Amino acid sequence: MSAQTKTVVMDTSAVDRSLTRIAHEILESNNGAQNIALVGIVTRGDLLAATLARRIEQIENVSVPVGRLDISFYRDDIERFIAPVVHTTDIPFALEGKTIVLVDDVLYTGRTIRAAMDALMDYGRPSRIQLAVLVDRGHRELPIRADFVGKNVPSSSDESVRFFSEAVDGHTSVEILETDGHVGSAPVESTGSLTQAFNKVLGGDE
């Protein structure tokens, strides 16, 4: 049985406005786009990273590198999953010397971000890592703070806050759902479909 939506906290327009603002904030914080690269955490952060890259290019007329990071085997709760769905990591550029903007959909306990930073370090040593999230729902268990936030969404620990993307879900929104035992991103079982969605968003066809 799927989780039931309790509240839609961001509709398509609100998500769109927030991503445009975050793109401007990234550029302002880094004095332009010359030395930045975006790395999105699958399964939804990578779609947001692709969207942000397009927005930055529209604003600054500069194409920024974009990568995708799967953290399945870096999680500290990996033992809870008998057969985790492994997606694609694709970082087609050197991290050394760059400011990496790590992108995720929902910031919760901070454990996903810690795992993502561990994973990144296996691919290189950036000069700096910043964090951009569409939603910060609180309940931090680790001392991790986002540099760029679309919206703060207070929620209880027995609720799930999820970002839905048109590219894989058929609609774009952020919703609070009654938890069904899964508090993270809505699952995407097929690595192929997620890769296709990422390429579609990056190409501006979402």
N, C-alpha and C. Protein backbone atom coordinates (compact mmCIF):
# COMPACT_ATOMS: atom_id res chain seq x y z
N MET A 1 0.85 -1.20 0.00
CA MET A 1 0.00 0.00 0.00
C MET A 1 0.89 1.25 0.00
N SER A 2 0.64 2.17 -0.91
CA SER A 2 1.46 3.36 -1.01
C SER A 2 1.09 4.36 0.07
N ALA A 3 2.06 5.22 0.42
CA ALA A 3 1.82 6.24 1.43
C ALA A 3 0.84 7.27 0.90
N GLN A 4 0.02 7.79 1.81
CA GLN A 4 -1.00 8.76 1.44
C GLN A 4 -0.50 10.19 1.65
N THR A 5 -0.75 11.05 0.68
CA THR A 5 -0.35 12.45 0.78
C THR A 5 -1.20 13.18 1.81
N LYS A 6 -0.56 13.89 2.73
CA LYS A 6 -1.26 14.70 3.71
C LYS A 6 -1.32 16.16 3.28
N THR A 7 -0.21 16.66 2.74
CA THR A 7 -0.14 18.06 2.35
C THR A 7 0.82 18.23 1.18
N VAL A 8 0.43 19.05 0.22
CA VAL A 8 1.35 19.47 -0.83
C VAL A 8 1.96 20.80 -0.38
N VAL A 9 3.26 20.81 -0.08
CA VAL A 9 3.89 22.01 0.46
C VAL A 9 4.54 22.87 -0.63
N MET A 10 4.83 22.26 -1.78
CA MET A 10 5.36 23.02 -2.91
C MET A 10 4.77 22.44 -4.18
N ASP A 11 4.12 23.30 -4.98
CA ASP A 11 3.63 22.84 -6.27
C ASP A 11 4.69 23.09 -7.34
N THR A 12 4.36 22.83 -8.58
CA THR A 12 5.34 22.97 -9.66
C THR A 12 5.94 24.37 -9.72
N SER A 13 5.09 25.39 -9.59
CA SER A 13 5.57 26.78 -9.67
C SER A 13 6.50 27.12 -8.51
N ALA A 14 6.16 26.64 -7.31
CA ALA A 14 6.99 26.92 -6.15
C ALA A 14 8.35 26.25 -6.28
N VAL A 15 8.38 25.01 -6.78
CA VAL A 15 9.65 24.32 -7.00
C VAL A 15 10.48 25.08 -8.02
N ASP A 16 9.84 25.52 -9.08
CA ASP A 16 10.53 26.25 -10.15
C ASP A 16 11.15 27.55 -9.63
N ARG A 17 10.39 28.29 -8.85
CA ARG A 17 10.90 29.56 -8.31
C ARG A 17 12.07 29.30 -7.36
N SER A 18 11.96 28.27 -6.53
CA SER A 18 13.02 27.97 -5.57
C SER A 18 14.31 27.59 -6.27
N LEU A 19 14.22 26.81 -7.34
CA LEU A 19 15.42 26.40 -8.06
C LEU A 19 16.08 27.58 -8.77
N THR A 20 15.27 28.49 -9.28
CA THR A 20 15.84 29.69 -9.90
C THR A 20 16.57 30.53 -8.86
N ARG A 21 15.98 30.66 -7.68
CA ARG A 21 16.63 31.44 -6.60
C ARG A 21 17.92 30.77 -6.16
N ILE A 22 17.90 29.45 -5.99
CA ILE A 22 19.11 28.73 -5.58
C ILE A 22 20.22 28.91 -6.61
N ALA A 23 19.87 28.86 -7.89
CA ALA A 23 20.87 29.06 -8.95
C ALA A 23 21.53 30.42 -8.81
N HIS A 24 20.73 31.45 -8.57
CA HIS A 24 21.28 32.80 -8.38
C HIS A 24 22.17 32.85 -7.13
N GLU A 25 21.75 32.19 -6.05
CA GLU A 25 22.52 32.21 -4.82
C GLU A 25 23.85 31.49 -4.98
N ILE A 26 23.86 30.39 -5.72
CA ILE A 26 25.11 29.68 -5.99
C ILE A 26 26.09 30.58 -6.74
N LEU A 27 25.58 31.26 -7.74
CA LEU A 27 26.43 32.16 -8.52
C LEU A 27 26.95 33.32 -7.68
N GLU A 28 26.09 33.89 -6.87
CA GLU A 28 26.51 35.02 -6.03
C GLU A 28 27.56 34.59 -5.01
N SER A 29 27.33 33.42 -4.39
CA SER A 29 28.25 32.93 -3.37
C SER A 29 29.63 32.61 -3.92
N ASN A 30 29.67 32.21 -5.21
CA ASN A 30 30.93 31.77 -5.81
C ASN A 30 31.50 32.76 -6.83
N ASN A 31 30.93 33.96 -6.85
CA ASN A 31 31.39 35.00 -7.79
C ASN A 31 31.37 34.50 -9.23
N GLY A 32 30.28 33.83 -9.59
CA GLY A 32 30.14 33.31 -10.93
C GLY A 32 30.23 31.80 -10.97
N ALA A 33 30.35 31.26 -12.17
CA ALA A 33 30.29 29.81 -12.36
C ALA A 33 31.60 29.21 -12.85
N GLN A 34 32.68 29.99 -12.85
CA GLN A 34 33.91 29.55 -13.49
C GLN A 34 34.53 28.32 -12.85
N ASN A 35 34.38 28.16 -11.53
CA ASN A 35 35.10 27.07 -10.86
C ASN A 35 34.17 26.11 -10.12
N ILE A 36 32.88 26.11 -10.49
CA ILE A 36 31.95 25.23 -9.78
C ILE A 36 31.55 24.05 -10.64
N ALA A 37 31.14 22.99 -9.98
CA ALA A 37 30.54 21.82 -10.62
C ALA A 37 29.44 21.31 -9.71
N LEU A 38 28.42 20.73 -10.29
CA LEU A 38 27.29 20.21 -9.53
C LEU A 38 27.33 18.70 -9.51
N VAL A 39 27.09 18.12 -8.34
CA VAL A 39 26.99 16.67 -8.21
C VAL A 39 25.70 16.36 -7.47
N GLY A 40 24.77 15.69 -8.15
CA GLY A 40 23.48 15.36 -7.55
C GLY A 40 23.45 13.94 -7.02
N ILE A 41 22.82 13.78 -5.87
CA ILE A 41 22.69 12.46 -5.25
C ILE A 41 21.46 11.77 -5.83
N VAL A 42 21.65 10.59 -6.41
CA VAL A 42 20.49 9.85 -6.90
C VAL A 42 19.70 9.32 -5.70
N THR A 43 18.34 9.34 -5.79
CA THR A 43 17.57 9.25 -7.01
C THR A 43 16.80 10.52 -7.40
N ARG A 44 16.89 11.59 -6.65
CA ARG A 44 16.22 12.81 -7.07
C ARG A 44 17.14 14.02 -7.09
N GLY A 45 18.18 13.99 -6.29
CA GLY A 45 19.13 15.10 -6.27
C GLY A 45 19.81 15.29 -7.60
N ASP A 46 20.02 14.20 -8.34
CA ASP A 46 20.67 14.33 -9.65
C ASP A 46 19.77 15.06 -10.64
N LEU A 47 18.47 14.85 -10.54
CA LEU A 47 17.53 15.57 -11.42
C LEU A 47 17.52 17.06 -11.09
N LEU A 48 17.60 17.38 -9.79
CA LEU A 48 17.67 18.78 -9.38
C LEU A 48 18.98 19.41 -9.83
N ALA A 49 20.09 18.66 -9.75
CA ALA A 49 21.38 19.19 -10.20
C ALA A 49 21.33 19.51 -11.69
N ALA A 50 20.70 18.65 -12.47
CA ALA A 50 20.58 18.90 -13.91
C ALA A 50 19.78 20.16 -14.18
N THR A 51 18.70 20.35 -13.42
CA THR A 51 17.88 21.55 -13.58
C THR A 51 18.67 22.80 -13.19
N LEU A 52 19.41 22.73 -12.08
CA LEU A 52 20.20 23.88 -11.64
C LEU A 52 21.28 24.22 -12.67
N ALA A 53 21.88 23.20 -13.27
CA ALA A 53 22.90 23.46 -14.29
C ALA A 53 22.31 24.22 -15.47
N ARG A 54 21.11 23.86 -15.87
CA ARG A 54 20.45 24.57 -16.96
C ARG A 54 20.12 26.01 -16.56
N ARG A 55 19.66 26.21 -15.34
CA ARG A 55 19.34 27.57 -14.88
C ARG A 55 20.60 28.43 -14.85
N ILE A 56 21.69 27.87 -14.35
CA ILE A 56 22.94 28.62 -14.27
C ILE A 56 23.42 29.00 -15.67
N GLU A 57 23.28 28.08 -16.61
CA GLU A 57 23.69 28.38 -17.98
C GLU A 57 22.83 29.49 -18.58
N GLN A 58 21.53 29.48 -18.27
CA GLN A 58 20.64 30.53 -18.77
C GLN A 58 20.98 31.89 -18.16
N ILE A 59 21.37 31.89 -16.89
CA ILE A 59 21.67 33.15 -16.20
C ILE A 59 23.03 33.68 -16.59
N GLU A 60 24.04 32.80 -16.62
CA GLU A 60 25.44 33.20 -16.73
C GLU A 60 26.04 32.93 -18.10
N ASN A 61 25.32 32.19 -18.91
CA ASN A 61 25.82 31.78 -20.23
C ASN A 61 27.12 30.98 -20.11
N VAL A 62 27.19 30.18 -19.06
CA VAL A 62 28.34 29.31 -18.80
C VAL A 62 27.81 27.90 -18.53
N SER A 63 28.38 26.92 -19.21
CA SER A 63 27.99 25.53 -18.99
C SER A 63 28.82 24.96 -17.84
N VAL A 64 28.14 24.50 -16.78
CA VAL A 64 28.86 23.94 -15.63
C VAL A 64 28.82 22.42 -15.68
N PRO A 65 29.89 21.75 -15.26
CA PRO A 65 29.89 20.29 -15.23
C PRO A 65 28.86 19.75 -14.25
N VAL A 66 28.25 18.63 -14.61
CA VAL A 66 27.24 18.00 -13.76
C VAL A 66 27.55 16.51 -13.63
N GLY A 67 27.49 16.01 -12.41
CA GLY A 67 27.70 14.59 -12.17
C GLY A 67 26.59 14.01 -11.33
N ARG A 68 26.57 12.67 -11.28
CA ARG A 68 25.58 11.93 -10.50
C ARG A 68 26.30 11.00 -9.55
N LEU A 69 25.80 10.92 -8.31
CA LEU A 69 26.48 10.14 -7.28
C LEU A 69 25.51 9.18 -6.61
N ASP A 70 25.82 7.88 -6.69
CA ASP A 70 25.05 6.87 -5.97
C ASP A 70 25.79 6.53 -4.68
N ILE A 71 25.09 6.59 -3.55
CA ILE A 71 25.75 6.38 -2.26
C ILE A 71 25.30 5.08 -1.60
N SER A 72 24.71 4.17 -2.35
CA SER A 72 24.11 2.95 -1.79
C SER A 72 25.03 2.23 -0.81
N PHE A 73 26.29 2.06 -1.17
CA PHE A 73 27.20 1.28 -0.34
C PHE A 73 28.02 2.12 0.62
N TYR A 74 27.68 3.41 0.72
CA TYR A 74 28.35 4.28 1.68
C TYR A 74 27.45 4.59 2.88
N ARG A 75 26.22 4.17 2.81
CA ARG A 75 25.27 4.48 3.88
C ARG A 75 25.62 3.72 5.15
N ASP A 76 25.36 4.34 6.32
CA ASP A 76 25.64 3.63 7.57
C ASP A 76 24.49 2.72 7.98
N ASP A 77 23.40 2.70 7.16
CA ASP A 77 22.29 1.79 7.43
C ASP A 77 22.17 0.75 6.32
N ILE A 78 23.26 0.48 5.61
CA ILE A 78 23.23 -0.44 4.48
C ILE A 78 22.79 -1.83 4.90
N GLU A 79 23.07 -2.20 6.17
CA GLU A 79 22.71 -3.55 6.62
C GLU A 79 21.20 -3.75 6.70
N ARG A 80 20.44 -2.66 6.66
CA ARG A 80 18.98 -2.78 6.69
C ARG A 80 18.42 -3.23 5.36
N PHE A 81 19.22 -3.14 4.31
CA PHE A 81 18.74 -3.45 2.97
C PHE A 81 19.40 -4.74 2.48
N ILE A 82 18.58 -5.78 2.28
CA ILE A 82 19.10 -7.08 1.86
C ILE A 82 19.70 -6.98 0.47
N ALA A 83 19.02 -6.29 -0.44
CA ALA A 83 19.51 -6.12 -1.80
C ALA A 83 19.22 -4.70 -2.25
N PRO A 84 20.08 -3.75 -1.86
CA PRO A 84 19.83 -2.35 -2.23
C PRO A 84 19.87 -2.17 -3.74
N VAL A 85 19.02 -1.28 -4.24
CA VAL A 85 19.03 -0.95 -5.67
C VAL A 85 20.23 -0.06 -5.93
N VAL A 86 21.15 -0.52 -6.78
CA VAL A 86 22.35 0.23 -7.08
C VAL A 86 22.15 1.00 -8.37
N HIS A 87 22.34 2.30 -8.30
CA HIS A 87 22.17 3.16 -9.47
C HIS A 87 23.54 3.56 -10.01
N THR A 88 23.56 4.50 -10.91
CA THR A 88 24.78 4.87 -11.61
C THR A 88 25.46 6.08 -10.97
N THR A 89 26.76 5.95 -10.75
CA THR A 89 27.59 7.12 -10.44
C THR A 89 28.32 7.52 -11.71
N ASP A 90 28.21 8.77 -12.06
CA ASP A 90 28.86 9.27 -13.26
C ASP A 90 29.35 10.69 -12.98
N ILE A 91 30.65 10.82 -12.74
CA ILE A 91 31.26 12.13 -12.51
C ILE A 91 32.32 12.32 -13.58
N PRO A 92 31.93 12.89 -14.72
CA PRO A 92 32.83 12.94 -15.88
C PRO A 92 33.77 14.14 -15.89
N PHE A 93 34.31 14.49 -14.73
CA PHE A 93 35.24 15.61 -14.62
C PHE A 93 36.07 15.42 -13.36
N ALA A 94 37.23 16.06 -13.32
CA ALA A 94 38.11 15.99 -12.15
C ALA A 94 37.56 16.89 -11.05
N LEU A 95 37.58 16.39 -9.81
CA LEU A 95 37.10 17.18 -8.67
C LEU A 95 38.15 18.13 -8.14
N GLU A 96 39.41 17.81 -8.35
CA GLU A 96 40.51 18.59 -7.78
C GLU A 96 40.41 20.07 -8.15
N GLY A 97 40.48 20.90 -7.12
CA GLY A 97 40.51 22.33 -7.32
C GLY A 97 39.16 22.98 -7.53
N LYS A 98 38.10 22.19 -7.63
CA LYS A 98 36.78 22.75 -7.91
C LYS A 98 35.97 22.93 -6.63
N THR A 99 35.02 23.85 -6.70
CA THR A 99 33.97 23.94 -5.69
C THR A 99 32.83 23.04 -6.15
N ILE A 100 32.58 22.01 -5.37
CA ILE A 100 31.52 21.06 -5.71
C ILE A 100 30.26 21.44 -4.95
N VAL A 101 29.19 21.69 -5.68
CA VAL A 101 27.89 21.92 -5.06
C VAL A 101 27.17 20.58 -5.07
N LEU A 102 27.09 19.97 -3.90
CA LEU A 102 26.37 18.71 -3.73
C LEU A 102 24.88 19.02 -3.65
N VAL A 103 24.08 18.30 -4.44
CA VAL A 103 22.65 18.63 -4.54
C VAL A 103 21.81 17.43 -4.12
N ASP A 104 20.86 17.68 -3.22
CA ASP A 104 19.91 16.63 -2.83
C ASP A 104 18.52 17.23 -2.74
N ASP A 105 17.53 16.36 -2.70
CA ASP A 105 16.16 16.85 -2.66
C ASP A 105 15.73 17.26 -1.26
N VAL A 106 15.88 16.36 -0.29
CA VAL A 106 15.41 16.63 1.07
C VAL A 106 16.53 16.37 2.07
N LEU A 107 16.84 17.37 2.88
CA LEU A 107 17.81 17.22 3.96
C LEU A 107 17.06 16.86 5.24
N TYR A 108 17.46 15.75 5.83
CA TYR A 108 16.74 15.23 7.01
C TYR A 108 17.75 15.03 8.15
N THR A 109 18.21 13.81 8.38
CA THR A 109 19.12 13.56 9.50
C THR A 109 20.54 14.04 9.23
N GLY A 110 20.90 14.15 7.95
CA GLY A 110 22.27 14.50 7.58
C GLY A 110 23.11 13.29 7.22
N ARG A 111 22.60 12.09 7.44
CA ARG A 111 23.39 10.88 7.20
C ARG A 111 23.62 10.63 5.71
N THR A 112 22.65 10.97 4.88
CA THR A 112 22.84 10.83 3.43
C THR A 112 23.97 11.74 2.96
N ILE A 113 24.02 12.96 3.47
CA ILE A 113 25.05 13.91 3.05
C ILE A 113 26.42 13.46 3.54
N ARG A 114 26.50 12.95 4.76
CA ARG A 114 27.78 12.43 5.24
C ARG A 114 28.27 11.31 4.33
N ALA A 115 27.36 10.39 3.96
CA ALA A 115 27.73 9.30 3.06
C ALA A 115 28.17 9.83 1.70
N ALA A 116 27.49 10.86 1.22
CA ALA A 116 27.83 11.44 -0.08
C ALA A 116 29.22 12.08 -0.05
N MET A 117 29.56 12.73 1.04
CA MET A 117 30.90 13.33 1.14
C MET A 117 31.97 12.25 1.19
N ASP A 118 31.71 11.17 1.88
CA ASP A 118 32.64 10.04 1.88
C ASP A 118 32.83 9.50 0.47
N ALA A 119 31.72 9.36 -0.25
CA ALA A 119 31.79 8.84 -1.62
C ALA A 119 32.57 9.78 -2.53
N LEU A 120 32.30 11.08 -2.40
CA LEU A 120 33.01 12.06 -3.23
C LEU A 120 34.52 11.96 -3.06
N MET A 121 34.96 11.77 -1.83
CA MET A 121 36.40 11.73 -1.57
C MET A 121 37.07 10.53 -2.21
N ASP A 122 36.30 9.53 -2.56
CA ASP A 122 36.87 8.40 -3.29
C ASP A 122 37.10 8.73 -4.76
N TYR A 123 36.52 9.83 -5.22
CA TYR A 123 36.67 10.24 -6.61
C TYR A 123 37.64 11.40 -6.79
N GLY A 124 38.02 12.04 -5.71
CA GLY A 124 38.94 13.16 -5.81
C GLY A 124 38.84 14.07 -4.60
N ARG A 125 39.60 15.15 -4.64
CA ARG A 125 39.63 16.07 -3.51
C ARG A 125 39.29 17.48 -3.99
N PRO A 126 38.04 17.86 -3.88
CA PRO A 126 37.66 19.22 -4.29
C PRO A 126 38.22 20.25 -3.31
N SER A 127 38.29 21.50 -3.77
CA SER A 127 38.78 22.56 -2.89
C SER A 127 37.74 22.93 -1.84
N ARG A 128 36.46 22.71 -2.19
CA ARG A 128 35.38 23.06 -1.27
C ARG A 128 34.13 22.30 -1.66
N ILE A 129 33.32 21.96 -0.68
CA ILE A 129 32.02 21.32 -0.94
C ILE A 129 30.94 22.20 -0.34
N GLN A 130 29.95 22.55 -1.15
CA GLN A 130 28.76 23.26 -0.67
C GLN A 130 27.56 22.34 -0.84
N LEU A 131 26.50 22.64 -0.11
CA LEU A 131 25.31 21.79 -0.14
C LEU A 131 24.08 22.61 -0.52
N ALA A 132 23.39 22.14 -1.55
CA ALA A 132 22.13 22.76 -1.97
C ALA A 132 21.02 21.71 -1.86
N VAL A 133 19.93 22.07 -1.18
CA VAL A 133 18.79 21.16 -1.05
C VAL A 133 17.50 21.91 -1.37
N LEU A 134 16.57 21.18 -1.94
CA LEU A 134 15.27 21.80 -2.22
C LEU A 134 14.49 22.00 -0.93
N VAL A 135 14.58 21.03 -0.02
CA VAL A 135 13.81 21.07 1.23
C VAL A 135 14.70 20.70 2.41
N ASP A 136 14.60 21.48 3.48
CA ASP A 136 15.21 21.13 4.76
C ASP A 136 14.06 20.87 5.74
N ARG A 137 13.96 19.62 6.19
CA ARG A 137 12.85 19.27 7.09
C ARG A 137 13.26 19.16 8.55
N GLY A 138 14.54 19.49 8.85
CA GLY A 138 14.98 19.44 10.24
C GLY A 138 15.30 18.02 10.68
N HIS A 139 15.28 17.80 12.01
CA HIS A 139 15.55 16.49 12.63
C HIS A 139 16.98 16.03 12.39
N ARG A 140 17.95 16.94 12.44
CA ARG A 140 19.33 16.58 12.17
C ARG A 140 19.90 15.68 13.27
N GLU A 141 20.65 14.67 12.85
CA GLU A 141 21.37 13.80 13.76
C GLU A 141 22.88 14.01 13.67
N LEU A 142 23.31 14.73 12.65
CA LEU A 142 24.72 15.06 12.46
C LEU A 142 24.84 16.57 12.22
N PRO A 143 25.99 17.16 12.55
CA PRO A 143 26.15 18.62 12.41
C PRO A 143 26.37 19.04 10.96
N ILE A 144 25.33 18.94 10.17
CA ILE A 144 25.39 19.26 8.75
C ILE A 144 24.35 20.33 8.44
N ARG A 145 24.77 21.36 7.71
CA ARG A 145 23.88 22.48 7.38
C ARG A 145 23.99 22.77 5.89
N ALA A 146 22.86 23.04 5.26
CA ALA A 146 22.84 23.37 3.84
C ALA A 146 23.24 24.83 3.62
N ASP A 147 23.98 25.07 2.55
CA ASP A 147 24.35 26.43 2.16
C ASP A 147 23.22 27.11 1.39
N PHE A 148 22.44 26.31 0.65
CA PHE A 148 21.36 26.84 -0.18
C PHE A 148 20.13 25.97 0.04
N VAL A 149 19.03 26.61 0.44
CA VAL A 149 17.80 25.88 0.78
C VAL A 149 16.62 26.47 0.02
N GLY A 150 15.86 25.61 -0.63
CA GLY A 150 14.65 26.08 -1.30
C GLY A 150 13.55 26.44 -0.33
N LYS A 151 13.28 25.54 0.63
CA LYS A 151 12.20 25.79 1.58
C LYS A 151 12.43 24.96 2.84
N ASN A 152 12.23 25.56 3.99
CA ASN A 152 12.22 24.83 5.25
C ASN A 152 10.82 24.29 5.49
N VAL A 153 10.73 22.99 5.72
CA VAL A 153 9.43 22.34 5.88
C VAL A 153 9.42 21.59 7.20
N PRO A 154 8.90 22.20 8.26
CA PRO A 154 8.81 21.49 9.54
C PRO A 154 7.92 20.26 9.38
N SER A 155 8.36 19.16 9.97
CA SER A 155 7.61 17.91 9.86
C SER A 155 7.92 17.05 11.07
N SER A 156 7.06 16.09 11.32
CA SER A 156 7.30 15.16 12.42
C SER A 156 8.05 13.94 11.91
N SER A 157 8.66 13.22 12.83
CA SER A 157 9.47 12.06 12.45
C SER A 157 8.64 10.91 11.92
N ASP A 158 7.32 10.94 12.12
CA ASP A 158 6.48 9.87 11.58
C ASP A 158 5.84 10.27 10.25
N GLU A 159 6.39 11.32 9.64
CA GLU A 159 5.96 11.73 8.31
C GLU A 159 7.12 11.59 7.32
N SER A 160 6.79 11.48 6.06
CA SER A 160 7.79 11.43 5.00
C SER A 160 7.61 12.67 4.12
N VAL A 161 8.71 13.35 3.84
CA VAL A 161 8.68 14.52 2.96
C VAL A 161 9.38 14.13 1.67
N ARG A 162 8.67 14.19 0.56
CA ARG A 162 9.21 13.70 -0.71
C ARG A 162 9.08 14.72 -1.83
N PHE A 163 10.13 14.76 -2.65
CA PHE A 163 10.11 15.53 -3.88
C PHE A 163 9.75 14.60 -5.03
N PHE A 164 8.76 14.99 -5.81
CA PHE A 164 8.36 14.24 -6.99
C PHE A 164 8.74 15.06 -8.22
N SER A 165 9.37 14.38 -9.19
CA SER A 165 9.84 15.05 -10.40
C SER A 165 9.04 14.58 -11.60
N GLU A 166 8.65 15.53 -12.44
CA GLU A 166 7.92 15.22 -13.65
C GLU A 166 8.63 14.14 -14.48
N ALA A 167 9.95 14.19 -14.48
CA ALA A 167 10.73 13.29 -15.35
C ALA A 167 10.57 11.82 -14.99
N VAL A 168 10.32 11.51 -13.72
CA VAL A 168 10.18 10.11 -13.32
C VAL A 168 8.85 9.80 -12.63
N ASP A 169 8.16 10.83 -12.16
CA ASP A 169 6.94 10.61 -11.40
C ASP A 169 5.66 11.08 -12.11
N GLY A 170 5.84 11.85 -13.20
CA GLY A 170 4.67 12.34 -13.92
C GLY A 170 4.14 13.65 -13.40
N HIS A 171 4.70 14.15 -12.30
CA HIS A 171 4.32 15.47 -11.79
C HIS A 171 5.45 15.99 -10.92
N THR A 172 5.46 17.31 -10.69
CA THR A 172 6.49 17.94 -9.87
C THR A 172 5.84 18.57 -8.64
N SER A 173 6.32 18.18 -7.47
CA SER A 173 5.79 18.75 -6.22
C SER A 173 6.66 18.28 -5.07
N VAL A 174 6.46 18.91 -3.91
CA VAL A 174 7.00 18.41 -2.64
C VAL A 174 5.80 18.15 -1.75
N GLU A 175 5.73 16.95 -1.21
CA GLU A 175 4.55 16.54 -0.45
C GLU A 175 4.96 15.93 0.88
N ILE A 176 4.11 16.15 1.88
CA ILE A 176 4.23 15.44 3.16
C ILE A 176 3.28 14.26 3.11
N LEU A 177 3.83 13.07 3.37
CA LEU A 177 3.04 11.86 3.33
C LEU A 177 3.08 11.16 4.68
N GLU A 178 2.05 10.38 4.95
CA GLU A 178 2.11 9.48 6.09
C GLU A 178 3.15 8.43 5.78
N THR A 179 4.06 8.20 6.72
CA THR A 179 5.15 7.29 6.43
C THR A 179 4.66 5.87 6.21
N ASP A 180 5.28 5.21 5.23
CA ASP A 180 4.99 3.80 4.97
C ASP A 180 6.21 2.94 5.33
N GLY A 181 7.03 3.49 6.24
CA GLY A 181 8.24 2.81 6.63
C GLY A 181 9.45 3.26 5.83
N HIS A 182 9.21 4.09 4.80
CA HIS A 182 10.30 4.60 3.96
C HIS A 182 10.22 6.12 3.99
N VAL A 183 11.27 6.76 4.55
CA VAL A 183 11.21 8.21 4.73
C VAL A 183 12.05 8.96 3.71
N GLY A 184 12.77 8.25 2.86
CA GLY A 184 13.61 8.91 1.88
C GLY A 184 12.88 9.22 0.59
N SER A 185 13.66 9.41 -0.49
CA SER A 185 13.07 9.70 -1.79
C SER A 185 12.18 8.56 -2.25
N ALA A 186 11.20 8.91 -3.06
CA ALA A 186 10.37 7.87 -3.67
C ALA A 186 11.26 6.98 -4.52
N PRO A 187 11.12 5.66 -4.42
CA PRO A 187 12.04 4.75 -5.12
C PRO A 187 11.93 4.87 -6.65
N VAL A 188 13.05 4.61 -7.30
CA VAL A 188 13.09 4.42 -8.75
C VAL A 188 13.84 3.12 -8.96
N GLU A 189 13.15 2.09 -9.38
CA GLU A 189 13.76 0.77 -9.45
C GLU A 189 14.73 0.62 -10.62
N SER A 190 14.44 1.28 -11.72
CA SER A 190 15.23 1.06 -12.93
C SER A 190 16.33 2.11 -13.08
N THR A 191 17.57 1.66 -13.08
CA THR A 191 18.69 2.57 -13.31
C THR A 191 18.60 3.20 -14.69
N GLY A 192 18.15 2.40 -15.66
CA GLY A 192 18.03 2.92 -17.03
C GLY A 192 17.05 4.06 -17.13
N SER A 193 15.90 3.92 -16.49
CA SER A 193 14.89 4.98 -16.56
C SER A 193 15.35 6.24 -15.86
N LEU A 194 16.12 6.08 -14.78
CA LEU A 194 16.62 7.25 -14.07
C LEU A 194 17.68 7.97 -14.89
N THR A 195 18.54 7.21 -15.55
CA THR A 195 19.55 7.82 -16.41
C THR A 195 18.90 8.57 -17.57
N GLN A 196 17.87 7.98 -18.14
CA GLN A 196 17.13 8.63 -19.23
C GLN A 196 16.49 9.92 -18.73
N ALA A 197 15.93 9.88 -17.51
CA ALA A 197 15.30 11.07 -16.94
C ALA A 197 16.32 12.17 -16.71
N PHE A 198 17.49 11.79 -16.20
CA PHE A 198 18.56 12.77 -15.96
C PHE A 198 18.97 13.45 -17.26
N ASN A 199 19.20 12.66 -18.30
CA ASN A 199 19.60 13.21 -19.59
C ASN A 199 18.52 14.08 -20.18
N LYS A 200 17.27 13.71 -19.95
CA LYS A 200 16.14 14.48 -20.45
C LYS A 200 16.08 15.85 -19.78
N VAL A 201 16.23 15.86 -18.44
CA VAL A 201 16.21 17.13 -17.70
C VAL A 201 17.39 18.00 -18.09
N LEU A 202 18.57 17.40 -18.19
CA LEU A 202 19.77 18.15 -18.55
C LEU A 202 19.63 18.76 -19.94
N GLY A 203 18.93 18.07 -20.81
CA GLY A 203 18.72 18.59 -22.16
C GLY A 203 17.58 19.58 -22.27
N GLY A 204 16.87 19.80 -21.17
CA GLY A 204 15.79 20.78 -21.18
C GLY A 204 14.47 20.25 -21.68
N ASP A 205 14.30 18.92 -21.64
CA ASP A 205 13.09 18.33 -22.20
C ASP A 205 12.14 17.79 -21.15
N GLU A 206 12.36 18.15 -19.87
CA GLU A 206 11.47 17.59 -18.84
C GLU A 206 10.09 18.22 -18.90
